């Protein structure tokens, strides 16, 4: 039976399965119950439940995008905050995501909880040097507006830069410095229903991302029991540990600790799938950065745990990086908790 997007499948030669999210040539991408997308060949899956007669997700996305282009954004604010909710010495500004019914899309909002006007730009990084504009405009004091609608899968791993300039249109005021914040979007969080919480700013449950981080940051953390640092990129990979003089030199060996507490300041509110994606992103970046360092030895420290990270790491080595070789790292140094990769 031919595999199609939306089919529920299971793997032939290993446990697990999920929903087919996209197909590229002979590869199918299967999203498991943790929200992790696994690539495999069509011959390695079997359909257990065919997609419904409704439109495929891609067709829905195109239809929604066309409808979105035809419907102009409503510029009138749809929510007024109390004039006493904030003062000029403690402005609050945030972006928020709400769910768009059962469409699978999310709605982006801008929230200005201050007594100042806010000129904002939201840009999405395209590569190391270039960005593209997501949205921009001027938001009146103590208001929020809906900006755009997105397929959350299209946002995964995308870095957004949000810039703010607060001002009064008349009268004398003390100028505030421009604000700039960077966040990295994770589709696994945007599609998870439990990520959306009731709040003081939107009628629907929302994911609130503070841009001006003061008392506002604390308030949102209490509302959602999370930290906005969850959305930030992983910390830089630690340098290799220095070796003692008696040890054999390891000038070509790089150690990368994939334990989640070494990659993120906090994991509060994150699912296992989201944490696993951060760890695998670090692994992929390291492999890609060393692709031309022939002979380089890289030790990925993944620990023992339940074995999920080790299994996914080696799955990627077998599929995406099969030109390189790997083996268990030194048992004396790492026990069973590390994999040695040799770049070819």
C-alpha atoms as a PDB file:
ATOM      1  CA  UNK A   1       0.000   0.000   0.000  1.00  0.00           C
ATOM      2  CA  UNK A   2       1.392   3.400  -0.970  1.00  0.00           C
ATOM      3  CA  UNK A   3       2.242   5.609   1.994  1.00  0.00           C
ATOM      4  CA  UNK A   4       0.631   9.069   2.027  1.00  0.00           C
ATOM      5  CA  UNK A   5       0.864  12.146   4.237  1.00  0.00           C
ATOM      6  CA  UNK A   6      -1.495  11.754   7.181  1.00  0.00           C
ATOM      7  CA  UNK A   7      -1.258   7.930   7.286  1.00  0.00           C
ATOM      8  CA  UNK A   8      -0.669   6.280  10.637  1.00  0.00           C
ATOM      9  CA  UNK A   9       2.242   3.850  10.257  1.00  0.00           C
ATOM     10  CA  UNK A  10       4.464   1.554  12.300  1.00  0.00           C
ATOM     11  CA  UNK A  11       8.078   0.608  11.709  1.00  0.00           C
ATOM     12  CA  UNK A  12       8.830  -2.855  10.347  1.00  0.00           C
ATOM     13  CA  UNK A  13      12.211  -3.527  11.934  1.00  0.00           C
ATOM     14  CA  UNK A  14      11.904  -1.630  15.209  1.00  0.00           C
ATOM     15  CA  UNK A  15       9.323  -0.608  17.760  1.00  0.00           C
ATOM     16  CA  UNK A  16       7.265   2.533  17.383  1.00  0.00           C
ATOM     17  CA  UNK A  17       5.561   4.492  14.680  1.00  0.00           C
ATOM     18  CA  UNK A  18       3.412   7.579  14.246  1.00  0.00           C
ATOM     19  CA  UNK A  19       1.859   9.899  11.683  1.00  0.00           C
ATOM     20  CA  UNK A  20       3.464  10.633   8.314  1.00  0.00           C
ATOM     21  CA  UNK A  21       4.027  14.409   8.156  1.00  0.00           C
ATOM     22  CA  UNK A  22       5.804  14.685   4.794  1.00  0.00           C
ATOM     23  CA  UNK A  23       7.356  12.629   2.024  1.00  0.00           C
ATOM     24  CA  UNK A  24      10.560  13.503   0.155  1.00  0.00           C
ATOM     25  CA  UNK A  25      11.417  11.029  -2.598  1.00  0.00           C
ATOM     26  CA  UNK A  26      11.768   7.597  -0.999  1.00  0.00           C
ATOM     27  CA  UNK A  27      11.990   9.084   2.482  1.00  0.00           C
ATOM     28  CA  UNK A  28       8.973   9.442   4.751  1.00  0.00           C
ATOM     29  CA  UNK A  29       9.010  11.545   7.919  1.00  0.00           C
ATOM     30  CA  UNK A  30       7.105  10.026  10.834  1.00  0.00           C
ATOM     31  CA  UNK A  31       6.161  12.049  13.926  1.00  0.00           C
ATOM     32  CA  UNK A  32       6.052   9.875  17.058  1.00  0.00           C
ATOM     33  CA  UNK A  33       4.015  10.439  20.219  1.00  0.00           C
ATOM     34  CA  UNK A  34       6.738  12.681  21.702  1.00  0.00           C
ATOM     35  CA  UNK A  35       6.519  15.081  18.756  1.00  0.00           C
ATOM     36  CA  UNK A  36       9.879  13.911  17.333  1.00  0.00           C
ATOM     37  CA  UNK A  37      10.066  13.597  13.535  1.00  0.00           C
ATOM     38  CA  UNK A  38      11.875  10.420  12.386  1.00  0.00           C
ATOM     39  CA  UNK A  39      13.017   9.984   8.752  1.00  0.00           C
ATOM     40  CA  UNK A  40      12.926   6.483   7.244  1.00  0.00           C
ATOM     41  CA  UNK A  41      12.405   4.799   3.882  1.00  0.00           C
ATOM     42  CA  UNK A  42       8.945   3.865   2.641  1.00  0.00           C
ATOM     43  CA  UNK A  43       9.938   0.198   2.605  1.00  0.00           C
ATOM     44  CA  UNK A  44      10.550   0.298   6.359  1.00  0.00           C
ATOM     45  CA  UNK A  45       7.006   1.298   7.367  1.00  0.00           C
ATOM     46  CA  UNK A  46       3.590  -0.284   7.075  1.00  0.00           C
ATOM     47  CA  UNK A  47       0.305   1.624   7.059  1.00  0.00           C
ATOM     48  CA  UNK A  48      -1.964   0.751   9.979  1.00  0.00           C
ATOM     49  CA  UNK A  49      -4.552   3.462   9.350  1.00  0.00           C
ATOM     50  CA  UNK A  50      -5.109   5.390   6.136  1.00  0.00           C
ATOM     51  CA  UNK A  51      -5.519   9.132   6.094  1.00  0.00           C
ATOM     52  CA  UNK A  52      -9.063  10.523   6.188  1.00  0.00           C
ATOM     53  CA  UNK A  53     -10.884  11.696   3.096  1.00  0.00           C
ATOM     54  CA  UNK A  54     -10.263  15.288   4.123  1.00  0.00           C
ATOM     55  CA  UNK A  55      -7.585  17.438   2.508  1.00  0.00           C
ATOM     56  CA  UNK A  56      -3.988  16.648   3.329  1.00  0.00           C
ATOM     57  CA  UNK A  57      -2.157  18.947   5.663  1.00  0.00           C
ATOM     58  CA  UNK A  58      -0.255  20.516   2.766  1.00  0.00           C
ATOM     59  CA  UNK A  59      -3.502  21.292   0.951  1.00  0.00           C
ATOM     60  CA  UNK A  60      -4.923  22.780   4.132  1.00  0.00           C
ATOM     61  CA  UNK A  61      -1.815  24.900   4.609  1.00  0.00           C
ATOM     62  CA  UNK A  62      -2.023  26.328   1.072  1.00  0.00           C
ATOM     63  CA  UNK A  63      -5.741  26.996   1.427  1.00  0.00           C
ATOM     64  CA  UNK A  64      -5.231  28.753   4.760  1.00  0.00           C
ATOM     65  CA  UNK A  65      -2.363  30.831   3.360  1.00  0.00           C
ATOM     66  CA  UNK A  66      -4.498  31.962   0.407  1.00  0.00           C
ATOM     67  CA  UNK A  67      -7.342  32.839   2.757  1.00  0.00           C
ATOM     68  CA  UNK A  68      -4.901  34.679   5.011  1.00  0.00           C
ATOM     69  CA  UNK A  69      -3.628  36.766   2.098  1.00  0.00           C
ATOM     70  CA  UNK A  70      -7.157  37.666   1.078  1.00  0.00           C
ATOM     71  CA  UNK A  71      -8.216  38.737   4.555  1.00  0.00           C
ATOM     72  CA  UNK A  72      -6.470  41.935   5.734  1.00  0.00           C
ATOM     73  CA  UNK A  73      -5.233  42.016   9.297  1.00  0.00           C
ATOM     74  CA  UNK A  74      -7.616  43.747  11.630  1.00  0.00           C
ATOM     75  CA  UNK A  75      -5.686  46.755  12.883  1.00  0.00           C
ATOM     76  CA  UNK A  76      -8.178  47.811  15.540  1.00  0.00           C
ATOM     77  CA  UNK A  77      -7.150  46.610  19.015  1.00  0.00           C
ATOM     78  CA  UNK A  78      -9.461  43.935  20.367  1.00  0.00           C
ATOM     79  CA  UNK A  79      -8.517  44.169  24.023  1.00  0.00           C
ATOM     80  CA  UNK A  80      -7.922  47.134  26.305  1.00  0.00           C
ATOM     81  CA  UNK A  81      -5.897  46.868  29.478  1.00  0.00           C
ATOM     82  CA  UNK A  82      -6.397  48.980  32.546  1.00  0.00           C
ATOM     83  CA  UNK A  83      -4.572  52.361  32.296  1.00  0.00           C
ATOM     84  CA  UNK A  84      -3.046  51.560  35.669  1.00  0.00           C
ATOM     85  CA  UNK A  85      -1.696  48.180  34.552  1.00  0.00           C
ATOM     86  CA  UNK A  86       1.756  49.606  33.765  1.00  0.00           C
ATOM     87  CA  UNK A  87       3.665  52.882  33.953  1.00  0.00           C
ATOM     88  CA  UNK A  88       6.376  54.409  31.811  1.00  0.00           C
ATOM     89  CA  UNK A  89       9.125  53.252  34.164  1.00  0.00           C
ATOM     90  CA  UNK A  90       8.059  49.627  33.912  1.00  0.00           C
ATOM     91  CA  UNK A  91       6.778  48.954  30.361  1.00  0.00           C
ATOM     92  CA  UNK A  92       5.679  45.483  29.343  1.00  0.00           C
ATOM     93  CA  UNK A  93       5.644  44.030  25.832  1.00  0.00           C
ATOM     94  CA  UNK A  94       5.236  40.449  24.638  1.00  0.00           C
ATOM     95  CA  UNK A  95       4.374  38.301  21.663  1.00  0.00           C
ATOM     96  CA  UNK A  96       1.897  35.466  22.069  1.00  0.00           C
ATOM     97  CA  UNK A  97       0.733  32.404  20.166  1.00  0.00           C
ATOM     98  CA  UNK A  98      -2.842  31.098  20.333  1.00  0.00           C
ATOM     99  CA  UNK A  99      -4.369  28.054  18.660  1.00  0.00           C
ATOM    100  CA  UNK A 100      -6.508  28.645  15.576  1.00  0.00           C
ATOM    101  CA  UNK A 101      -9.362  26.272  16.333  1.00  0.00           C
ATOM    102  CA  UNK A 102      -8.816  22.794  14.881  1.00  0.00           C
ATOM    103  CA  UNK A 103      -6.952  24.006  11.789  1.00  0.00           C
ATOM    104  CA  UNK A 104      -3.526  23.123  13.191  1.00  0.00           C
ATOM    105  CA  UNK A 105      -2.385  26.700  12.636  1.00  0.00           C
ATOM    106  CA  UNK A 106      -1.323  29.176  15.318  1.00  0.00           C
ATOM    107  CA  UNK A 107      -2.058  32.909  15.545  1.00  0.00           C
ATOM    108  CA  UNK A 108       0.665  35.408  16.402  1.00  0.00           C
ATOM    109  CA  UNK A 109      -0.241  38.379  18.626  1.00  0.00           C
ATOM    110  CA  UNK A 110       1.637  41.479  19.777  1.00  0.00           C
ATOM    111  CA  UNK A 111       0.837  42.742  23.297  1.00  0.00           C
ATOM    112  CA  UNK A 112       1.693  46.275  24.460  1.00  0.00           C
ATOM    113  CA  UNK A 113       0.960  46.469  28.183  1.00  0.00           C
ATOM    114  CA  UNK A 114       2.361  49.967  28.715  1.00  0.00           C
ATOM    115  CA  UNK A 115       1.289  53.596  28.528  1.00  0.00           C
ATOM    116  CA  UNK A 116       3.619  54.242  25.587  1.00  0.00           C
ATOM    117  CA  UNK A 117       3.314  53.618  21.862  1.00  0.00           C
ATOM    118  CA  UNK A 118       5.417  50.693  20.650  1.00  0.00           C
ATOM    119  CA  UNK A 119       7.023  50.494  17.212  1.00  0.00           C
ATOM    120  CA  UNK A 120       8.026  46.872  16.630  1.00  0.00           C
ATOM    121  CA  UNK A 121       9.687  44.721  13.978  1.00  0.00           C
ATOM    122  CA  UNK A 122       9.765  40.931  13.977  1.00  0.00           C
ATOM    123  CA  UNK A 123      12.378  39.348  11.702  1.00  0.00           C
ATOM    124  CA  UNK A 124      13.163  35.697  10.938  1.00  0.00           C
ATOM    125  CA  UNK A 125      16.722  34.568  10.313  1.00  0.00           C
ATOM    126  CA  UNK A 126      17.311  33.033   6.867  1.00  0.00           C
ATOM    127  CA  UNK A 127      21.040  32.297   7.189  1.00  0.00           C
ATOM    128  CA  UNK A 128      24.016  33.560   9.195  1.00  0.00           C
ATOM    129  CA  UNK A 129      23.755  37.055   7.703  1.00  0.00           C
ATOM    130  CA  UNK A 130      20.252  37.600   6.299  1.00  0.00           C
ATOM    131  CA  UNK A 131      16.750  37.915   7.717  1.00  0.00           C
ATOM    132  CA  UNK A 132      13.238  38.262   6.346  1.00  0.00           C
ATOM    133  CA  UNK A 133      10.495  40.467   7.795  1.00  0.00           C
ATOM    134  CA  UNK A 134       7.709  38.641   9.624  1.00  0.00           C
ATOM    135  CA  UNK A 135       5.701  41.677  10.765  1.00  0.00           C
ATOM    136  CA  UNK A 136       6.063  45.293  11.812  1.00  0.00           C
ATOM    137  CA  UNK A 137       3.891  48.158  12.952  1.00  0.00           C
ATOM    138  CA  UNK A 138       3.015  50.608  15.701  1.00  0.00           C
ATOM    139  CA  UNK A 139       0.889  49.411  18.599  1.00  0.00           C
ATOM    140  CA  UNK A 140      -1.126  51.826  20.722  1.00  0.00           C
ATOM    141  CA  UNK A 141      -0.713  51.878  24.517  1.00  0.00           C
ATOM    142  CA  UNK A 142      -2.378  49.064  26.487  1.00  0.00           C
ATOM    143  CA  UNK A 143      -3.574  47.087  23.482  1.00  0.00           C
ATOM    144  CA  UNK A 144      -2.951  43.844  21.652  1.00  0.00           C
ATOM    145  CA  UNK A 145      -3.513  42.849  18.028  1.00  0.00           C
ATOM    146  CA  UNK A 146      -3.389  39.669  15.988  1.00  0.00           C
ATOM    147  CA  UNK A 147      -0.627  39.859  13.390  1.00  0.00           C
ATOM    148  CA  UNK A 148      -0.473  36.656  11.324  1.00  0.00           C
ATOM    149  CA  UNK A 149      -1.291  32.971  11.185  1.00  0.00           C
ATOM    150  CA  UNK A 150       1.330  30.244  10.730  1.00  0.00           C
ATOM    151  CA  UNK A 151       1.763  26.546  10.233  1.00  0.00           C
ATOM    152  CA  UNK A 152       3.800  25.787  13.377  1.00  0.00           C
ATOM    153  CA  UNK A 153       5.919  23.202  11.552  1.00  0.00           C
ATOM    154  CA  UNK A 154       7.245  25.952   9.296  1.00  0.00           C
ATOM    155  CA  UNK A 155       8.622  27.762  12.357  1.00  0.00           C
ATOM    156  CA  UNK A 156      10.659  24.909  13.855  1.00  0.00           C
ATOM    157  CA  UNK A 157      14.225  25.928  14.626  1.00  0.00           C
ATOM    158  CA  UNK A 158      13.712  29.421  13.173  1.00  0.00           C
ATOM    159  CA  UNK A 159      15.416  32.241  15.082  1.00  0.00           C
ATOM    160  CA  UNK A 160      13.341  35.388  15.454  1.00  0.00           C
ATOM    161  CA  UNK A 161      14.753  38.823  16.291  1.00  0.00           C
ATOM    162  CA  UNK A 162      12.231  41.213  17.840  1.00  0.00           C
ATOM    163  CA  UNK A 163      13.061  44.918  18.134  1.00  0.00           C
ATOM    164  CA  UNK A 164      11.072  47.555  20.037  1.00  0.00           C
ATOM    165  CA  UNK A 165      11.090  51.320  20.320  1.00  0.00           C
ATOM    166  CA  UNK A 166       8.739  52.889  22.891  1.00  0.00           C
ATOM    167  CA  UNK A 167       7.666  56.536  22.660  1.00  0.00           C
ATOM    168  CA  UNK A 168       4.967  59.167  23.236  1.00  0.00           C
ATOM    169  CA  UNK A 169       3.351  60.937  20.315  1.00  0.00           C
ATOM    170  CA  UNK A 170       2.998  64.203  22.193  1.00  0.00           C
ATOM    171  CA  UNK A 171       4.260  65.873  25.312  1.00  0.00           C
ATOM    172  CA  UNK A 172       7.544  65.510  27.147  1.00  0.00           C
ATOM    173  CA  UNK A 173       8.835  62.071  28.168  1.00  0.00           C
ATOM    174  CA  UNK A 174      12.050  60.353  29.184  1.00  0.00           C
ATOM    175  CA  UNK A 175      13.277  58.249  26.226  1.00  0.00           C
ATOM    176  CA  UNK A 176      13.896  54.547  26.785  1.00  0.00           C
ATOM    177  CA  UNK A 177      16.644  52.634  24.967  1.00  0.00           C
ATOM    178  CA  UNK A 178      15.577  50.314  22.121  1.00  0.00           C
ATOM    179  CA  UNK A 179      14.829  46.713  23.120  1.00  0.00           C
ATOM    180  CA  UNK A 180      16.025  43.667  21.169  1.00  0.00           C
ATOM    181  CA  UNK A 181      15.370  40.017  21.946  1.00  0.00           C
ATOM    182  CA  UNK A 182      16.111  36.765  20.090  1.00  0.00           C
ATOM    183  CA  UNK A 183      14.086  33.567  20.478  1.00  0.00           C
ATOM    184  CA  UNK A 184      14.159  30.224  18.673  1.00  0.00           C
ATOM    185  CA  UNK A 185      10.805  28.702  17.807  1.00  0.00           C
ATOM    186  CA  UNK A 186      10.099  25.015  18.497  1.00  0.00           C
ATOM    187  CA  UNK A 187       7.176  23.473  16.628  1.00  0.00           C
ATOM    188  CA  UNK A 188       6.939  20.637  19.184  1.00  0.00           C
ATOM    189  CA  UNK A 189       5.929  23.197  21.779  1.00  0.00           C
ATOM    190  CA  UNK A 190       3.591  25.116  19.486  1.00  0.00           C
ATOM    191  CA  UNK A 191       1.599  21.989  18.553  1.00  0.00           C
ATOM    192  CA  UNK A 192       1.373  20.674  22.128  1.00  0.00           C
ATOM    193  CA  UNK A 193      -1.970  21.590  23.689  1.00  0.00           C
ATOM    194  CA  UNK A 194      -0.512  21.653  27.207  1.00  0.00           C
ATOM    195  CA  UNK A 195       1.818  24.518  26.263  1.00  0.00           C
ATOM    196  CA  UNK A 196      -1.099  26.963  26.073  1.00  0.00           C
ATOM    197  CA  UNK A 197      -2.181  28.592  29.337  1.00  0.00           C
ATOM    198  CA  UNK A 198      -4.898  30.988  30.444  1.00  0.00           C
ATOM    199  CA  UNK A 199      -3.567  34.523  30.905  1.00  0.00           C
ATOM    200  CA  UNK A 200      -4.500  38.159  31.469  1.00  0.00           C
ATOM    201  CA  UNK A 201      -4.063  39.281  27.870  1.00  0.00           C
ATOM    202  CA  UNK A 202      -5.901  37.017  25.434  1.00  0.00           C
ATOM    203  CA  UNK A 203      -9.360  35.476  25.541  1.00  0.00           C
ATOM    204  CA  UNK A 204      -7.922  32.134  24.380  1.00  0.00           C
ATOM    205  CA  UNK A 205      -5.183  30.175  26.100  1.00  0.00           C
ATOM    206  CA  UNK A 206      -1.772  31.281  24.860  1.00  0.00           C
ATOM    207  CA  UNK A 207       1.993  30.862  24.928  1.00  0.00           C
ATOM    208  CA  UNK A 208       3.308  34.214  26.152  1.00  0.00           C
ATOM    209  CA  UNK A 209       6.890  35.205  25.240  1.00  0.00           C
ATOM    210  CA  UNK A 210       8.009  38.345  27.126  1.00  0.00           C
ATOM    211  CA  UNK A 211      10.220  40.690  25.087  1.00  0.00           C
ATOM    212  CA  UNK A 212      10.785  43.349  27.755  1.00  0.00           C
ATOM    213  CA  UNK A 213      12.001  41.313  30.695  1.00  0.00           C
ATOM    214  CA  UNK A 214      11.327  42.896  34.022  1.00  0.00           C
ATOM    215  CA  UNK A 215       8.345  42.303  36.305  1.00  0.00           C
ATOM    216  CA  UNK A 216       6.533  41.124  33.173  1.00  0.00           C
ATOM    217  CA  UNK A 217       8.933  38.193  32.832  1.00  0.00           C
ATOM    218  CA  UNK A 218       8.275  37.123  36.406  1.00  0.00           C
ATOM    219  CA  UNK A 219       4.505  37.444  35.929  1.00  0.00           C
ATOM    220  CA  UNK A 220       4.457  35.301  32.800  1.00  0.00           C
ATOM    221  CA  UNK A 221       6.705  32.685  34.376  1.00  0.00           C
ATOM    222  CA  UNK A 222       4.223  32.378  37.235  1.00  0.00           C
ATOM    223  CA  UNK A 223       1.293  32.097  34.793  1.00  0.00           C
ATOM    224  CA  UNK A 224       2.912  29.423  32.642  1.00  0.00           C
ATOM    225  CA  UNK A 225       5.411  27.867  35.067  1.00  0.00           C
ATOM    226  CA  UNK A 226       8.119  28.207  32.462  1.00  0.00           C
ATOM    227  CA  UNK A 227      11.053  30.427  31.607  1.00  0.00           C
ATOM    228  CA  UNK A 228      11.447  32.119  28.264  1.00  0.00           C
ATOM    229  CA  UNK A 229      14.957  30.710  28.231  1.00  0.00           C
ATOM    230  CA  UNK A 230      13.357  27.443  27.080  1.00  0.00           C
ATOM    231  CA  UNK A 231      13.038  29.023  23.660  1.00  0.00           C
ATOM    232  CA  UNK A 232      16.654  30.134  23.523  1.00  0.00           C
ATOM    233  CA  UNK A 233      19.288  28.155  21.658  1.00  0.00           C
ATOM    234  CA  UNK A 234      21.434  25.654  23.518  1.00  0.00           C
ATOM    235  CA  UNK A 235      24.565  26.981  25.200  1.00  0.00           C
ATOM    236  CA  UNK A 236      27.834  26.715  23.230  1.00  0.00           C
ATOM    237  CA  UNK A 237      29.441  23.296  23.313  1.00  0.00           C
ATOM    238  CA  UNK A 238      32.012  23.035  26.074  1.00  0.00           C
ATOM    239  CA  UNK A 239      35.674  22.824  25.109  1.00  0.00           C
ATOM    240  CA  UNK A 240      37.412  19.428  25.455  1.00  0.00           C
ATOM    241  CA  UNK A 241      38.492  18.627  29.006  1.00  0.00           C
ATOM    242  CA  UNK A 242      42.264  19.099  29.550  1.00  0.00           C
ATOM    243  CA  UNK A 243      44.217  15.859  29.747  1.00  0.00           C
ATOM    244  CA  UNK A 244      46.818  15.102  32.395  1.00  0.00           C
ATOM    245  CA  UNK A 245      50.480  14.989  31.363  1.00  0.00           C
ATOM    246  CA  UNK A 246      50.533  11.231  31.777  1.00  0.00           C
ATOM    247  CA  UNK A 247      47.579  10.772  29.427  1.00  0.00           C
ATOM    248  CA  UNK A 248      47.984  10.097  25.748  1.00  0.00           C
ATOM    249  CA  UNK A 249      47.559  13.381  23.796  1.00  0.00           C
ATOM    250  CA  UNK A 250      44.122  13.800  22.238  1.00  0.00           C
ATOM    251  CA  UNK A 251      44.646  16.779  19.945  1.00  0.00           C
ATOM    252  CA  UNK A 252      42.151  15.380  17.444  1.00  0.00           C
ATOM    253  CA  UNK A 253      39.499  14.419  19.997  1.00  0.00           C
ATOM    254  CA  UNK A 254      36.564  16.644  20.874  1.00  0.00           C
ATOM    255  CA  UNK A 255      34.237  15.892  23.791  1.00  0.00           C
ATOM    256  CA  UNK A 256      30.615  17.029  23.528  1.00  0.00           C
ATOM    257  CA  UNK A 257      28.457  16.551  26.625  1.00  0.00           C
ATOM    258  CA  UNK A 258      24.834  16.088  25.535  1.00  0.00           C
ATOM    259  CA  UNK A 259      23.347  15.972  29.025  1.00  0.00           C
ATOM    260  CA  UNK A 260      20.451  18.431  28.909  1.00  0.00           C
ATOM    261  CA  UNK A 261      21.623  20.343  32.009  1.00  0.00           C
ATOM    262  CA  UNK A 262      24.828  21.115  30.120  1.00  0.00           C
ATOM    263  CA  UNK A 263      22.913  22.542  27.157  1.00  0.00           C
ATOM    264  CA  UNK A 264      20.116  24.576  28.767  1.00  0.00           C
ATOM    265  CA  UNK A 265      19.896  26.818  31.804  1.00  0.00           C
ATOM    266  CA  UNK A 266      16.466  25.367  32.588  1.00  0.00           C
ATOM    267  CA  UNK A 267      14.146  22.656  31.274  1.00  0.00           C
ATOM    268  CA  UNK A 268      11.057  23.770  33.209  1.00  0.00           C
ATOM    269  CA  UNK A 269       7.878  23.055  31.246  1.00  0.00           C
ATOM    270  CA  UNK A 270       9.667  21.176  28.439  1.00  0.00           C
ATOM    271  CA  UNK A 271       8.516  17.750  27.268  1.00  0.00           C
ATOM    272  CA  UNK A 272      10.905  14.819  26.816  1.00  0.00           C
ATOM    273  CA  UNK A 273      10.570  15.226  23.056  1.00  0.00           C
ATOM    274  CA  UNK A 274      11.560  18.906  23.198  1.00  0.00           C
ATOM    275  CA  UNK A 275      14.625  18.156  25.340  1.00  0.00           C
ATOM    276  CA  UNK A 276      15.631  15.327  23.011  1.00  0.00           C
ATOM    277  CA  UNK A 277      15.388  17.682  20.016  1.00  0.00           C
ATOM    278  CA  UNK A 278      17.743  20.181  21.703  1.00  0.00           C
ATOM    279  CA  UNK A 279      20.265  17.376  22.321  1.00  0.00           C
ATOM    280  CA  UNK A 280      20.044  16.127  18.733  1.00  0.00           C
ATOM    281  CA  UNK A 281      20.339  19.685  17.372  1.00  0.00           C
ATOM    282  CA  UNK A 282      23.629  20.010  19.277  1.00  0.00           C
ATOM    283  CA  UNK A 283      24.806  16.679  17.844  1.00  0.00           C
ATOM    284  CA  UNK A 284      23.900  17.727  14.275  1.00  0.00           C
ATOM    285  CA  UNK A 285      25.579  21.124  14.577  1.00  0.00           C
ATOM    286  CA  UNK A 286      28.755  19.471  15.829  1.00  0.00           C
ATOM    287  CA  UNK A 287      28.749  16.908  13.012  1.00  0.00           C
ATOM    288  CA  UNK A 288      28.118  19.558  10.350  1.00  0.00           C
ATOM    289  CA  UNK A 289      30.797  21.884  11.778  1.00  0.00           C
ATOM    290  CA  UNK A 290      33.375  19.072  11.601  1.00  0.00           C
ATOM    291  CA  UNK A 291      32.316  17.588   8.266  1.00  0.00           C
ATOM    292  CA  UNK A 292      35.638  18.493   6.613  1.00  0.00           C
ATOM    293  CA  UNK A 293      37.879  17.749   9.596  1.00  0.00           C
ATOM    294  CA  UNK A 294      38.964  14.358   8.306  1.00  0.00           C
ATOM    295  CA  UNK A 295      40.305  12.139  11.047  1.00  0.00           C
ATOM    296  CA  UNK A 296      38.698  14.211  13.807  1.00  0.00           C
ATOM    297  CA  UNK A 297      37.520  12.053  16.707  1.00  0.00           C
ATOM    298  CA  UNK A 298      34.399  13.281  18.497  1.00  0.00           C
ATOM    299  CA  UNK A 299      33.121  11.746  21.729  1.00  0.00           C
ATOM    300  CA  UNK A 300      29.406  12.391  22.303  1.00  0.00           C
ATOM    301  CA  UNK A 301      28.595  11.885  25.971  1.00  0.00           C
ATOM    302  CA  UNK A 302      24.935  10.830  26.131  1.00  0.00           C
ATOM    303  CA  UNK A 303      24.804   8.871  29.372  1.00  0.00           C
ATOM    304  CA  UNK A 304      22.973   5.602  29.901  1.00  0.00           C
ATOM    305  CA  UNK A 305      19.501   6.644  31.092  1.00  0.00           C
ATOM    306  CA  UNK A 306      16.679   4.934  29.204  1.00  0.00           C
ATOM    307  CA  UNK A 307      18.802   4.715  26.039  1.00  0.00           C
ATOM    308  CA  UNK A 308      16.553   6.964  23.903  1.00  0.00           C
ATOM    309  CA  UNK A 309      19.216   9.600  23.164  1.00  0.00           C
ATOM    310  CA  UNK A 310      21.833   6.957  22.304  1.00  0.00           C
ATOM    311  CA  UNK A 311      19.362   5.163  20.039  1.00  0.00           C
ATOM    312  CA  UNK A 312      18.346   8.336  18.161  1.00  0.00           C
ATOM    313  CA  UNK A 313      21.957   9.510  17.880  1.00  0.00           C
ATOM    314  CA  UNK A 314      23.056   6.245  16.304  1.00  0.00           C
ATOM    315  CA  UNK A 315      19.982   6.198  14.085  1.00  0.00           C
ATOM    316  CA  UNK A 316      21.111   9.556  12.665  1.00  0.00           C
ATOM    317  CA  UNK A 317      24.667   8.264  12.237  1.00  0.00           C
ATOM    318  CA  UNK A 318      23.357   5.286  10.263  1.00  0.00           C
ATOM    319  CA  UNK A 319      21.134   7.414   8.025  1.00  0.00           C
ATOM    320  CA  UNK A 320      22.482  10.937   7.690  1.00  0.00           C
ATOM    321  CA  UNK A 321      26.164  10.502   8.533  1.00  0.00           C
ATOM    322  CA  UNK A 322      26.804   6.965   7.324  1.00  0.00           C
ATOM    323  CA  UNK A 323      30.077   7.979   5.614  1.00  0.00           C
ATOM    324  CA  UNK A 324      31.645   8.300   9.065  1.00  0.00           C
ATOM    325  CA  UNK A 325      32.419   5.473  11.497  1.00  0.00           C
ATOM    326  CA  UNK A 326      31.422   5.154  15.127  1.00  0.00           C
ATOM    327  CA  UNK A 327      31.815   2.837  18.090  1.00  0.00           C
ATOM    328  CA  UNK A 328      31.442   2.778  21.860  1.00  0.00           C
ATOM    329  CA  UNK A 329      33.858   5.249  23.448  1.00  0.00           C
ATOM    330  CA  UNK A 330      36.451   4.117  25.983  1.00  0.00           C
ATOM    331  CA  UNK A 331      34.703   2.118  28.674  1.00  0.00           C
ATOM    332  CA  UNK A 332      37.416   3.075  31.191  1.00  0.00           C
ATOM    333  CA  UNK A 333      36.701   6.789  30.686  1.00  0.00           C
ATOM    334  CA  UNK A 334      32.963   6.853  29.893  1.00  0.00           C
ATOM    335  CA  UNK A 335      31.472   3.490  30.809  1.00  0.00           C
ATOM    336  CA  UNK A 336      28.528   2.744  28.519  1.00  0.00           C
ATOM    337  CA  UNK A 337      27.549   6.422  28.284  1.00  0.00           C
ATOM    338  CA  UNK A 338      29.399   7.732  25.210  1.00  0.00           C
ATOM    339  CA  UNK A 339      29.802   7.163  21.462  1.00  0.00           C
ATOM    340  CA  UNK A 340      33.035   7.842  19.552  1.00  0.00           C
ATOM    341  CA  UNK A 341      32.615   9.177  15.997  1.00  0.00           C
ATOM    342  CA  UNK A 342      35.533   9.335  13.544  1.00  0.00           C
ATOM    343  CA  UNK A 343      35.085  11.845  10.730  1.00  0.00           C
ATOM    344  CA  UNK A 344      36.031  10.337   7.334  1.00  0.00           C
END
